[in-house]
């Protein structure tokens, strides 16, 4: 029987892709403007964005 709820594979993939882009952009900004960017905040933003996309996709 197929599952009724979607799996987490897409959400994890979205998190990894968003985190990769955010870390790359933050690294570029840090090099150009010499501003330190905390990576933990970037990971939290990526997790929130991935969960938001998961929730938005269900409706």
PDB file of N, CA and C in Angstrom:
ATOM      1  N   UNK A   1       0.837  -1.186   0.000  1.00  0.00           N
ATOM      2  CA  UNK A   1       0.000   0.000   0.000  1.00  0.00           C
ATOM      3  C   UNK A   1       0.879   1.247   0.000  1.00  0.00           C
ATOM      4  N   UNK A   2       0.535   2.220  -0.801  1.00  0.00           N
ATOM      5  CA  UNK A   2       1.316   3.458  -0.810  1.00  0.00           C
ATOM      6  C   UNK A   2       1.043   4.294   0.441  1.00  0.00           C
ATOM      7  N   UNK A   3       2.048   5.058   0.817  1.00  0.00           N
ATOM      8  CA  UNK A   3       1.889   5.948   1.968  1.00  0.00           C
ATOM      9  C   UNK A   3       0.927   7.080   1.638  1.00  0.00           C
ATOM     10  N   UNK A   4       0.248   7.569   2.675  1.00  0.00           N
ATOM     11  CA  UNK A   4      -0.640   8.709   2.482  1.00  0.00           C
ATOM     12  C   UNK A   4       0.106  10.025   2.613  1.00  0.00           C
ATOM     13  N   UNK A   5       1.130  10.036   3.443  1.00  0.00           N
ATOM     14  CA  UNK A   5       1.900  11.274   3.622  1.00  0.00           C
ATOM     15  C   UNK A   5       3.149  11.227   2.738  1.00  0.00           C
ATOM     16  N   UNK A   6       3.562  12.373   2.211  1.00  0.00           N
ATOM     17  CA  UNK A   6       4.765  12.393   1.383  1.00  0.00           C
ATOM     18  C   UNK A   6       6.023  12.162   2.217  1.00  0.00           C
ATOM     19  N   UNK A   7       7.062  11.656   1.581  1.00  0.00           N
ATOM     20  CA  UNK A   7       8.315  11.402   2.285  1.00  0.00           C
ATOM     21  C   UNK A   7       9.088  12.686   2.517  1.00  0.00           C
ATOM     22  N   UNK A   8      10.164  12.542   3.250  1.00  0.00           N
ATOM     23  CA  UNK A   8      10.991  13.690   3.604  1.00  0.00           C
ATOM     24  C   UNK A   8      12.144  13.889   2.636  1.00  0.00           C
ATOM     25  N   UNK A   9      12.258  13.034   1.618  1.00  0.00           N
ATOM     26  CA  UNK A   9      13.402  13.123   0.713  1.00  0.00           C
ATOM     27  C   UNK A   9      13.457  14.470   0.000  1.00  0.00           C
ATOM     28  N   UNK A  10      12.332  14.928  -0.488  1.00  0.00           N
ATOM     29  CA  UNK A  10      12.288  16.216  -1.186  1.00  0.00           C
ATOM     30  C   UNK A  10      12.610  17.380  -0.273  1.00  0.00           C
ATOM     31  N   UNK A  11      12.137  17.309   0.954  1.00  0.00           N
ATOM     32  CA  UNK A  11      12.411  18.371   1.916  1.00  0.00           C
ATOM     33  C   UNK A  11      13.895  18.426   2.267  1.00  0.00           C
ATOM     34  N   UNK A  12      14.497  17.258   2.445  1.00  0.00           N
ATOM     35  CA  UNK A  12      15.930  17.209   2.753  1.00  0.00           C
ATOM     36  C   UNK A  12      16.739  17.725   1.565  1.00  0.00           C
ATOM     37  N   UNK A  13      16.342  17.341   0.361  1.00  0.00           N
ATOM     38  CA  UNK A  13      17.030  17.830  -0.831  1.00  0.00           C
ATOM     39  C   UNK A  13      16.899  19.347  -0.955  1.00  0.00           C
ATOM     40  N   UNK A  14      15.699  19.868  -0.703  1.00  0.00           N
ATOM     41  CA  UNK A  14      15.496  21.316  -0.760  1.00  0.00           C
ATOM     42  C   UNK A  14      16.352  22.020   0.290  1.00  0.00           C
ATOM     43  N   UNK A  15      16.434  21.454   1.493  1.00  0.00           N
ATOM     44  CA  UNK A  15      17.258  22.040   2.548  1.00  0.00           C
ATOM     45  C   UNK A  15      18.720  22.108   2.126  1.00  0.00           C
ATOM     46  N   UNK A  16      19.230  21.009   1.577  1.00  0.00           N
ATOM     47  CA  UNK A  16      20.638  20.970   1.174  1.00  0.00           C
ATOM     48  C   UNK A  16      20.909  21.971   0.055  1.00  0.00           C
ATOM     49  N   UNK A  17      20.011  22.052  -0.914  1.00  0.00           N
ATOM     50  CA  UNK A  17      20.211  22.984  -2.027  1.00  0.00           C
ATOM     51  C   UNK A  17      20.145  24.435  -1.562  1.00  0.00           C
ATOM     52  N   UNK A  18      19.166  24.752  -0.729  1.00  0.00           N
ATOM     53  CA  UNK A  18      19.024  26.121  -0.220  1.00  0.00           C
ATOM     54  C   UNK A  18      20.225  26.484   0.655  1.00  0.00           C
ATOM     55  N   UNK A  19      20.653  25.557   1.509  1.00  0.00           N
ATOM     56  CA  UNK A  19      21.799  25.820   2.379  1.00  0.00           C
ATOM     57  C   UNK A  19      23.061  26.045   1.560  1.00  0.00           C
ATOM     58  N   UNK A  20      23.246  25.262   0.504  1.00  0.00           N
ATOM     59  CA  UNK A  20      24.426  25.418  -0.343  1.00  0.00           C
ATOM     60  C   UNK A  20      24.454  26.796  -0.997  1.00  0.00           C
ATOM     61  N   UNK A  21      23.315  27.214  -1.511  1.00  0.00           N
ATOM     62  CA  UNK A  21      23.245  28.531  -2.155  1.00  0.00           C
ATOM     63  C   UNK A  21      23.475  29.641  -1.132  1.00  0.00           C
ATOM     64  N   UNK A  22      22.839  29.542   0.023  1.00  0.00           N
ATOM     65  CA  UNK A  22      23.004  30.580   1.041  1.00  0.00           C
ATOM     66  C   UNK A  22      24.446  30.675   1.534  1.00  0.00           C
ATOM     67  N   UNK A  23      25.096  29.536   1.728  1.00  0.00           N
ATOM     68  CA  UNK A  23      26.477  29.551   2.198  1.00  0.00           C
ATOM     69  C   UNK A  23      27.391  30.137   1.124  1.00  0.00           C
ATOM     70  N   UNK A  24      27.138  29.816  -0.136  1.00  0.00           N
ATOM     71  CA  UNK A  24      27.938  30.389  -1.217  1.00  0.00           C
ATOM     72  C   UNK A  24      27.775  31.888  -1.326  1.00  0.00           C
ATOM     73  N   UNK A  25      26.541  32.356  -1.219  1.00  0.00           N
ATOM     74  CA  UNK A  25      26.291  33.799  -1.282  1.00  0.00           C
ATOM     75  C   UNK A  25      26.903  34.499  -0.074  1.00  0.00           C
ATOM     76  N   UNK A  26      26.748  33.907   1.102  1.00  0.00           N
ATOM     77  CA  UNK A  26      27.319  34.515   2.312  1.00  0.00           C
ATOM     78  C   UNK A  26      28.840  34.546   2.242  1.00  0.00           C
ATOM     79  N   UNK A  27      29.450  33.519   1.689  1.00  0.00           N
ATOM     80  CA  UNK A  27      30.905  33.492   1.552  1.00  0.00           C
ATOM     81  C   UNK A  27      31.367  34.592   0.606  1.00  0.00           C
ATOM     82  N   UNK A  28      30.657  34.770  -0.490  1.00  0.00           N
ATOM     83  CA  UNK A  28      31.003  35.831  -1.434  1.00  0.00           C
ATOM     84  C   UNK A  28      30.872  37.212  -0.798  1.00  0.00           C
ATOM     85  N   UNK A  29      29.787  37.414  -0.073  1.00  0.00           N
ATOM     86  CA  UNK A  29      29.578  38.697   0.608  1.00  0.00           C
ATOM     87  C   UNK A  29      30.654  38.925   1.663  1.00  0.00           C
ATOM     88  N   UNK A  30      31.021  37.857   2.387  1.00  0.00           N
ATOM     89  CA  UNK A  30      32.057  37.986   3.416  1.00  0.00           C
ATOM     90  C   UNK A  30      33.405  38.343   2.802  1.00  0.00           C
ATOM     91  N   UNK A  31      33.703  37.800   1.627  1.00  0.00           N
ATOM     92  CA  UNK A  31      34.972  38.133   0.980  1.00  0.00           C
ATOM     93  C   UNK A  31      35.002  39.566   0.476  1.00  0.00           C
ATOM     94  N   UNK A  32      33.909  40.013  -0.118  1.00  0.00           N
ATOM     95  CA  UNK A  32      33.879  41.340  -0.719  1.00  0.00           C
ATOM     96  C   UNK A  32      33.799  42.440   0.346  1.00  0.00           C
ATOM     97  N   UNK A  33      32.909  42.267   1.317  1.00  0.00           N
ATOM     98  CA  UNK A  33      32.665  43.337   2.287  1.00  0.00           C
ATOM     99  C   UNK A  33      33.307  43.101   3.652  1.00  0.00           C
ATOM    100  N   UNK A  34      34.001  41.998   3.829  1.00  0.00           N
ATOM    101  CA  UNK A  34      34.659  41.652   5.094  1.00  0.00           C
ATOM    102  C   UNK A  34      33.683  41.662   6.266  1.00  0.00           C
ATOM    103  N   UNK A  35      32.510  41.089   6.035  1.00  0.00           N
ATOM    104  CA  UNK A  35      31.478  40.982   7.064  1.00  0.00           C
ATOM    105  C   UNK A  35      31.356  39.510   7.451  1.00  0.00           C
ATOM    106  N   UNK A  36      31.545  39.172   8.721  1.00  0.00           N
ATOM    107  CA  UNK A  36      31.376  37.773   9.109  1.00  0.00           C
ATOM    108  C   UNK A  36      29.886  37.379   9.103  1.00  0.00           C
ATOM    109  N   UNK A  37      29.607  36.226   8.538  1.00  0.00           N
ATOM    110  CA  UNK A  37      28.232  35.731   8.466  1.00  0.00           C
ATOM    111  C   UNK A  37      28.176  34.396   9.211  1.00  0.00           C
ATOM    112  N   UNK A  38      27.384  34.301  10.275  1.00  0.00           N
ATOM    113  CA  UNK A  38      27.305  33.044  11.028  1.00  0.00           C
ATOM    114  C   UNK A  38      26.584  31.965  10.217  1.00  0.00           C
ATOM    115  N   UNK A  39      27.241  30.827  10.053  1.00  0.00           N
ATOM    116  CA  UNK A  39      26.677  29.758   9.233  1.00  0.00           C
ATOM    117  C   UNK A  39      25.482  29.089   9.895  1.00  0.00           C
ATOM    118  N   UNK A  40      25.426  29.099  11.218  1.00  0.00           N
ATOM    119  CA  UNK A  40      24.298  28.465  11.910  1.00  0.00           C
ATOM    120  C   UNK A  40      22.983  29.161  11.542  1.00  0.00           C
ATOM    121  N   UNK A  41      23.031  30.474  11.431  1.00  0.00           N
ATOM    122  CA  UNK A  41      21.827  31.218  11.047  1.00  0.00           C
ATOM    123  C   UNK A  41      21.419  30.861   9.623  1.00  0.00           C
ATOM    124  N   UNK A  42      22.406  30.673   8.741  1.00  0.00           N
ATOM    125  CA  UNK A  42      22.090  30.286   7.366  1.00  0.00           C
ATOM    126  C   UNK A  42      21.419  28.918   7.317  1.00  0.00           C
ATOM    127  N   UNK A  43      21.879  27.995   8.154  1.00  0.00           N
ATOM    128  CA  UNK A  43      21.262  26.661   8.195  1.00  0.00           C
ATOM    129  C   UNK A  43      19.844  26.720   8.750  1.00  0.00           C
ATOM    130  N   UNK A  44      19.621  27.585   9.725  1.00  0.00           N
ATOM    131  CA  UNK A  44      18.271  27.745  10.270  1.00  0.00           C
ATOM    132  C   UNK A  44      17.345  28.348   9.218  1.00  0.00           C
ATOM    133  N   UNK A  45      17.827  29.336   8.476  1.00  0.00           N
ATOM    134  CA  UNK A  45      17.024  29.937   7.403  1.00  0.00           C
ATOM    135  C   UNK A  45      16.712  28.903   6.337  1.00  0.00           C
ATOM    136  N   UNK A  46      17.695  28.064   5.987  1.00  0.00           N
ATOM    137  CA  UNK A  46      17.477  27.018   4.987  1.00  0.00           C
ATOM    138  C   UNK A  46      16.449  25.999   5.469  1.00  0.00           C
ATOM    139  N   UNK A  47      16.503  25.636   6.739  1.00  0.00           N
ATOM    140  CA  UNK A  47      15.537  24.679   7.287  1.00  0.00           C
ATOM    141  C   UNK A  47      14.131  25.266   7.279  1.00  0.00           C
ATOM    142  N   UNK A  48      13.999  26.524   7.650  1.00  0.00           N
ATOM    143  CA  UNK A  48      12.679  27.170   7.637  1.00  0.00           C
ATOM    144  C   UNK A  48      12.136  27.257   6.222  1.00  0.00           C
ATOM    145  N   UNK A  49      13.003  27.601   5.266  1.00  0.00           N
ATOM    146  CA  UNK A  49      12.562  27.696   3.874  1.00  0.00           C
ATOM    147  C   UNK A  49      12.141  26.327   3.333  1.00  0.00           C
ATOM    148  N   UNK A  50      12.886  25.282   3.657  1.00  0.00           N
ATOM    149  CA  UNK A  50      12.543  23.944   3.178  1.00  0.00           C
ATOM    150  C   UNK A  50      11.223  23.466   3.781  1.00  0.00           C
ATOM    151  N   UNK A  51      11.012  23.721   5.060  1.00  0.00           N
ATOM    152  CA  UNK A  51       9.750  23.329   5.692  1.00  0.00           C
ATOM    153  C   UNK A  51       8.586  24.144   5.145  1.00  0.00           C
ATOM    154  N   UNK A  52       8.836  25.418   4.846  1.00  0.00           N
ATOM    155  CA  UNK A  52       7.791  26.248   4.245  1.00  0.00           C
ATOM    156  C   UNK A  52       7.413  25.724   2.862  1.00  0.00           C
ATOM    157  N   UNK A  53       8.404  25.340   2.084  1.00  0.00           N
ATOM    158  CA  UNK A  53       8.125  24.771   0.759  1.00  0.00           C
ATOM    159  C   UNK A  53       7.360  23.449   0.878  1.00  0.00           C
ATOM    160  N   UNK A  54       7.694  22.638   1.878  1.00  0.00           N
ATOM    161  CA  UNK A  54       6.985  21.378   2.092  1.00  0.00           C
ATOM    162  C   UNK A  54       5.515  21.643   2.422  1.00  0.00           C
ATOM    163  N   UNK A  55       5.293  22.608   3.305  1.00  0.00           N
ATOM    164  CA  UNK A  55       3.923  22.918   3.713  1.00  0.00           C
ATOM    165  C   UNK A  55       3.144  23.524   2.566  1.00  0.00           C
ATOM    166  N   UNK A  56       3.788  24.410   1.803  1.00  0.00           N
ATOM    167  CA  UNK A  56       3.136  25.050   0.666  1.00  0.00           C
ATOM    168  C   UNK A  56       2.786  24.045  -0.422  1.00  0.00           C
ATOM    169  N   UNK A  57       3.616  23.027  -0.591  1.00  0.00           N
ATOM    170  CA  UNK A  57       3.379  22.027  -1.623  1.00  0.00           C
ATOM    171  C   UNK A  57       2.218  21.112  -1.335  1.00  0.00           C
ATOM    172  N   UNK A  58       1.826  20.963  -0.089  1.00  0.00           N
ATOM    173  CA  UNK A  58       0.715  20.075   0.269  1.00  0.00           C
ATOM    174  C   UNK A  58      -0.646  20.654  -0.088  1.00  0.00           C
ATOM    175  N   UNK A  59      -0.753  21.957  -0.071  1.00  0.00           N
ATOM    176  CA  UNK A  59      -2.083  22.567  -0.256  1.00  0.00           C
ATOM    177  C   UNK A  59      -2.516  22.562  -1.692  1.00  0.00           C
TER     178      UNK A  59
END
